[in-house]
């Protein structure tokens, strides 16, 4: 099992590899603000990104929520982000 430091290093490397697309998605969200429970563009964008990355997900939760789930090998724990809709099991 990888150590916490090894997992952090892997995460940083993945972020560095994908920084262009991460920044592009963030800019798209920031440039197209939506009010609560009306985040249709953001919901669609997140769903499309999950689909592109092969992350199984559900959409339409609490109107515009999107929830993706990834399997991890870093040990026990759960990550949940209502805003981004990503959970680690």
N, C-alpha and C. Protein backbone atom coordinates (compact mmCIF):
# COMPACT_ATOMS: atom_id res chain seq x y z
N UNK A 1 0.86 -1.18 0.00
CA UNK A 1 0.00 0.00 0.00
C UNK A 1 0.90 1.24 0.00
N UNK A 2 0.60 2.20 -0.87
CA UNK A 2 1.41 3.43 -0.92
C UNK A 2 1.27 4.24 0.37
N UNK A 3 2.32 4.97 0.69
CA UNK A 3 2.28 5.85 1.86
C UNK A 3 1.47 7.11 1.51
N UNK A 4 1.12 7.87 2.52
CA UNK A 4 0.41 9.13 2.29
C UNK A 4 1.23 10.06 1.41
N UNK A 5 2.52 10.11 1.65
CA UNK A 5 3.39 10.99 0.85
C UNK A 5 3.41 10.56 -0.61
N UNK A 6 3.45 9.25 -0.86
CA UNK A 6 3.41 8.75 -2.24
C UNK A 6 2.09 9.08 -2.91
N UNK A 7 0.99 8.95 -2.17
CA UNK A 7 -0.32 9.30 -2.72
C UNK A 7 -0.41 10.79 -3.04
N UNK A 8 0.13 11.62 -2.14
CA UNK A 8 0.15 13.07 -2.39
C UNK A 8 0.96 13.39 -3.63
N UNK A 9 2.11 12.73 -3.78
CA UNK A 9 2.96 12.94 -4.96
C UNK A 9 2.22 12.56 -6.23
N UNK A 10 1.54 11.42 -6.22
CA UNK A 10 0.77 10.98 -7.39
C UNK A 10 -0.33 11.98 -7.73
N UNK A 11 -1.01 12.48 -6.70
CA UNK A 11 -2.08 13.45 -6.92
C UNK A 11 -1.51 14.73 -7.54
N UNK A 12 -0.40 15.20 -7.01
CA UNK A 12 0.23 16.41 -7.56
C UNK A 12 0.67 16.20 -9.01
N UNK A 13 1.19 15.04 -9.32
CA UNK A 13 1.61 14.74 -10.69
C UNK A 13 0.40 14.71 -11.64
N UNK A 14 -0.70 14.11 -11.18
CA UNK A 14 -1.91 14.06 -12.01
C UNK A 14 -2.47 15.46 -12.25
N UNK A 15 -2.47 16.28 -11.21
CA UNK A 15 -2.94 17.66 -11.35
C UNK A 15 -2.07 18.42 -12.34
N UNK A 16 -0.76 18.23 -12.23
CA UNK A 16 0.17 18.91 -13.15
C UNK A 16 -0.07 18.47 -14.59
N UNK A 17 -0.28 17.17 -14.81
CA UNK A 17 -0.53 16.66 -16.17
C UNK A 17 -1.81 17.23 -16.77
N UNK A 18 -2.80 17.48 -15.94
CA UNK A 18 -4.12 17.89 -16.43
C UNK A 18 -4.44 19.35 -16.12
N UNK A 19 -3.44 20.13 -15.73
CA UNK A 19 -3.71 21.49 -15.27
C UNK A 19 -4.41 22.34 -16.33
N UNK A 20 -4.08 22.16 -17.59
CA UNK A 20 -4.72 22.95 -18.64
C UNK A 20 -6.22 22.75 -18.68
N UNK A 21 -6.64 21.49 -18.67
CA UNK A 21 -8.08 21.23 -18.73
C UNK A 21 -8.77 21.57 -17.40
N UNK A 22 -8.08 21.41 -16.28
CA UNK A 22 -8.66 21.80 -14.99
C UNK A 22 -8.91 23.30 -14.95
N UNK A 23 -7.93 24.07 -15.41
CA UNK A 23 -8.08 25.53 -15.43
C UNK A 23 -9.19 25.93 -16.41
N UNK A 24 -9.27 25.26 -17.55
CA UNK A 24 -10.31 25.58 -18.54
C UNK A 24 -11.71 25.34 -17.96
N UNK A 25 -11.88 24.24 -17.26
CA UNK A 25 -13.19 23.95 -16.64
C UNK A 25 -13.51 24.99 -15.59
N UNK A 26 -12.54 25.33 -14.74
CA UNK A 26 -12.76 26.33 -13.70
C UNK A 26 -13.12 27.68 -14.31
N UNK A 27 -12.43 28.08 -15.37
CA UNK A 27 -12.74 29.35 -16.04
C UNK A 27 -14.14 29.33 -16.63
N UNK A 28 -14.51 28.22 -17.22
CA UNK A 28 -15.86 28.10 -17.80
C UNK A 28 -16.92 28.31 -16.73
N UNK A 29 -16.73 27.68 -15.58
CA UNK A 29 -17.69 27.84 -14.48
C UNK A 29 -17.72 29.28 -13.99
N UNK A 30 -16.54 29.87 -13.80
CA UNK A 30 -16.47 31.25 -13.29
C UNK A 30 -17.04 32.27 -14.28
N UNK A 31 -16.88 32.01 -15.56
CA UNK A 31 -17.36 32.95 -16.57
C UNK A 31 -18.85 32.79 -16.88
N UNK A 32 -19.47 31.77 -16.31
CA UNK A 32 -20.90 31.51 -16.55
C UNK A 32 -21.61 31.26 -15.23
N UNK A 33 -21.67 32.29 -14.36
CA UNK A 33 -22.27 32.08 -13.04
C UNK A 33 -23.76 31.72 -13.13
N UNK A 34 -24.17 30.88 -12.21
CA UNK A 34 -25.57 30.45 -12.15
C UNK A 34 -26.02 30.48 -10.69
N UNK A 35 -27.27 30.81 -10.47
CA UNK A 35 -27.80 30.85 -9.11
C UNK A 35 -28.12 29.44 -8.62
N UNK A 36 -28.21 29.31 -7.29
CA UNK A 36 -28.47 28.03 -6.67
C UNK A 36 -29.68 27.30 -7.23
N UNK A 37 -29.53 26.02 -7.42
CA UNK A 37 -30.55 25.12 -7.96
C UNK A 37 -30.93 25.44 -9.40
N UNK A 38 -30.14 26.28 -10.07
CA UNK A 38 -30.33 26.59 -11.49
C UNK A 38 -29.01 26.42 -12.23
N UNK A 39 -28.12 25.60 -11.69
CA UNK A 39 -26.79 25.43 -12.27
C UNK A 39 -26.81 24.41 -13.40
N UNK A 40 -27.63 24.65 -14.40
CA UNK A 40 -27.80 23.67 -15.48
C UNK A 40 -26.54 23.55 -16.35
N UNK A 41 -25.90 24.67 -16.66
CA UNK A 41 -24.68 24.62 -17.48
C UNK A 41 -23.55 23.92 -16.72
N UNK A 42 -23.41 24.27 -15.44
CA UNK A 42 -22.37 23.67 -14.63
C UNK A 42 -22.62 22.17 -14.47
N UNK A 43 -23.86 21.81 -14.21
CA UNK A 43 -24.22 20.40 -14.07
C UNK A 43 -23.90 19.62 -15.34
N UNK A 44 -24.24 20.19 -16.47
CA UNK A 44 -23.95 19.55 -17.75
C UNK A 44 -22.44 19.41 -17.96
N UNK A 45 -21.69 20.46 -17.64
CA UNK A 45 -20.24 20.44 -17.80
C UNK A 45 -19.61 19.36 -16.93
N UNK A 46 -20.02 19.28 -15.66
CA UNK A 46 -19.48 18.26 -14.74
C UNK A 46 -19.83 16.86 -15.25
N UNK A 47 -21.06 16.67 -15.67
CA UNK A 47 -21.49 15.38 -16.19
C UNK A 47 -20.67 14.99 -17.42
N UNK A 48 -20.44 15.93 -18.32
CA UNK A 48 -19.64 15.65 -19.52
C UNK A 48 -18.20 15.30 -19.16
N UNK A 49 -17.64 16.01 -18.18
CA UNK A 49 -16.26 15.72 -17.75
C UNK A 49 -16.18 14.32 -17.13
N UNK A 50 -17.15 13.98 -16.27
CA UNK A 50 -17.18 12.64 -15.68
C UNK A 50 -17.28 11.58 -16.79
N UNK A 51 -18.15 11.82 -17.76
CA UNK A 51 -18.34 10.88 -18.86
C UNK A 51 -17.02 10.71 -19.63
N UNK A 52 -16.37 11.81 -19.94
CA UNK A 52 -15.12 11.79 -20.68
C UNK A 52 -14.04 11.01 -19.92
N UNK A 53 -14.06 11.13 -18.59
CA UNK A 53 -13.04 10.45 -17.78
C UNK A 53 -13.46 9.02 -17.40
N UNK A 54 -14.64 8.61 -17.82
CA UNK A 54 -15.10 7.26 -17.50
C UNK A 54 -15.53 7.07 -16.07
N UNK A 55 -15.92 8.16 -15.42
CA UNK A 55 -16.36 8.09 -14.02
C UNK A 55 -17.87 7.86 -13.99
N UNK A 56 -18.32 6.73 -13.42
CA UNK A 56 -19.75 6.51 -13.31
C UNK A 56 -20.38 7.61 -12.46
N UNK A 57 -21.52 8.10 -12.88
CA UNK A 57 -22.14 9.20 -12.13
C UNK A 57 -23.65 9.20 -12.31
N UNK A 58 -24.28 9.92 -11.39
CA UNK A 58 -25.72 10.16 -11.46
C UNK A 58 -25.93 11.65 -11.54
N UNK A 59 -26.92 12.06 -12.28
CA UNK A 59 -27.23 13.49 -12.37
C UNK A 59 -28.69 13.73 -12.02
N UNK A 60 -29.04 15.00 -11.86
CA UNK A 60 -30.41 15.36 -11.49
C UNK A 60 -30.68 15.20 -10.00
N UNK A 61 -29.64 15.14 -9.19
CA UNK A 61 -29.81 15.00 -7.74
C UNK A 61 -30.08 16.37 -7.15
N UNK A 62 -31.12 16.48 -6.35
CA UNK A 62 -31.51 17.77 -5.76
C UNK A 62 -31.57 18.83 -6.86
N UNK A 63 -32.18 18.49 -7.94
CA UNK A 63 -32.40 19.30 -9.14
C UNK A 63 -31.20 19.31 -10.09
N UNK A 64 -30.08 19.89 -9.68
CA UNK A 64 -28.96 20.03 -10.61
C UNK A 64 -27.68 19.34 -10.15
N UNK A 65 -27.74 18.57 -9.08
CA UNK A 65 -26.54 17.92 -8.55
C UNK A 65 -26.05 16.78 -9.42
N UNK A 66 -24.76 16.57 -9.41
CA UNK A 66 -24.12 15.47 -10.11
C UNK A 66 -23.19 14.78 -9.12
N UNK A 67 -23.25 13.46 -9.08
CA UNK A 67 -22.44 12.71 -8.12
C UNK A 67 -21.68 11.62 -8.88
N UNK A 68 -20.34 11.69 -8.79
CA UNK A 68 -19.50 10.68 -9.41
C UNK A 68 -18.85 9.84 -8.33
N UNK A 69 -18.47 8.62 -8.70
CA UNK A 69 -17.87 7.73 -7.72
C UNK A 69 -16.64 7.08 -8.32
N UNK A 70 -15.53 7.13 -7.59
CA UNK A 70 -14.29 6.50 -8.02
C UNK A 70 -13.81 5.54 -6.95
N UNK A 71 -13.23 4.46 -7.38
CA UNK A 71 -12.65 3.49 -6.45
C UNK A 71 -11.19 3.86 -6.26
N UNK A 72 -10.76 3.86 -5.03
CA UNK A 72 -9.37 4.20 -4.74
C UNK A 72 -8.66 3.05 -4.06
N UNK A 73 -7.36 3.09 -4.09
CA UNK A 73 -6.57 2.06 -3.45
C UNK A 73 -5.74 2.61 -2.31
N UNK A 74 -6.10 3.80 -1.86
CA UNK A 74 -5.30 4.45 -0.83
C UNK A 74 -5.73 4.14 0.59
N UNK A 75 -6.55 3.14 0.77
CA UNK A 75 -6.96 2.80 2.12
C UNK A 75 -8.37 3.25 2.41
N UNK A 76 -8.83 3.02 3.62
CA UNK A 76 -10.20 3.35 3.96
C UNK A 76 -10.45 4.85 3.98
N UNK A 77 -11.67 5.21 3.72
CA UNK A 77 -12.05 6.62 3.79
C UNK A 77 -13.03 6.97 2.70
N UNK A 78 -13.71 8.06 2.89
CA UNK A 78 -14.68 8.55 1.92
C UNK A 78 -14.41 10.02 1.67
N UNK A 79 -14.53 10.40 0.42
CA UNK A 79 -14.47 11.82 0.07
C UNK A 79 -15.81 12.17 -0.51
N UNK A 80 -16.32 13.29 -0.14
CA UNK A 80 -17.61 13.71 -0.69
C UNK A 80 -17.57 15.21 -0.88
N UNK A 81 -17.94 15.64 -2.04
CA UNK A 81 -18.04 17.06 -2.32
C UNK A 81 -19.36 17.32 -3.00
N UNK A 82 -20.27 17.95 -2.30
CA UNK A 82 -21.58 18.23 -2.88
C UNK A 82 -21.43 19.17 -4.07
N UNK A 83 -20.52 20.13 -3.96
CA UNK A 83 -20.33 21.09 -5.03
C UNK A 83 -19.81 20.43 -6.30
N UNK A 84 -18.75 19.66 -6.18
CA UNK A 84 -18.16 19.02 -7.36
C UNK A 84 -18.77 17.66 -7.64
N UNK A 85 -19.41 17.07 -6.65
CA UNK A 85 -20.11 15.81 -6.87
C UNK A 85 -19.19 14.62 -7.04
N UNK A 86 -18.09 14.57 -6.34
CA UNK A 86 -17.18 13.44 -6.47
C UNK A 86 -16.99 12.79 -5.11
N UNK A 87 -17.11 11.47 -5.09
CA UNK A 87 -16.96 10.75 -3.83
C UNK A 87 -15.94 9.64 -4.04
N UNK A 88 -15.07 9.45 -3.07
CA UNK A 88 -14.08 8.37 -3.07
C UNK A 88 -14.52 7.34 -2.06
N UNK A 89 -14.53 6.05 -2.48
CA UNK A 89 -14.87 4.99 -1.53
C UNK A 89 -13.72 4.05 -1.38
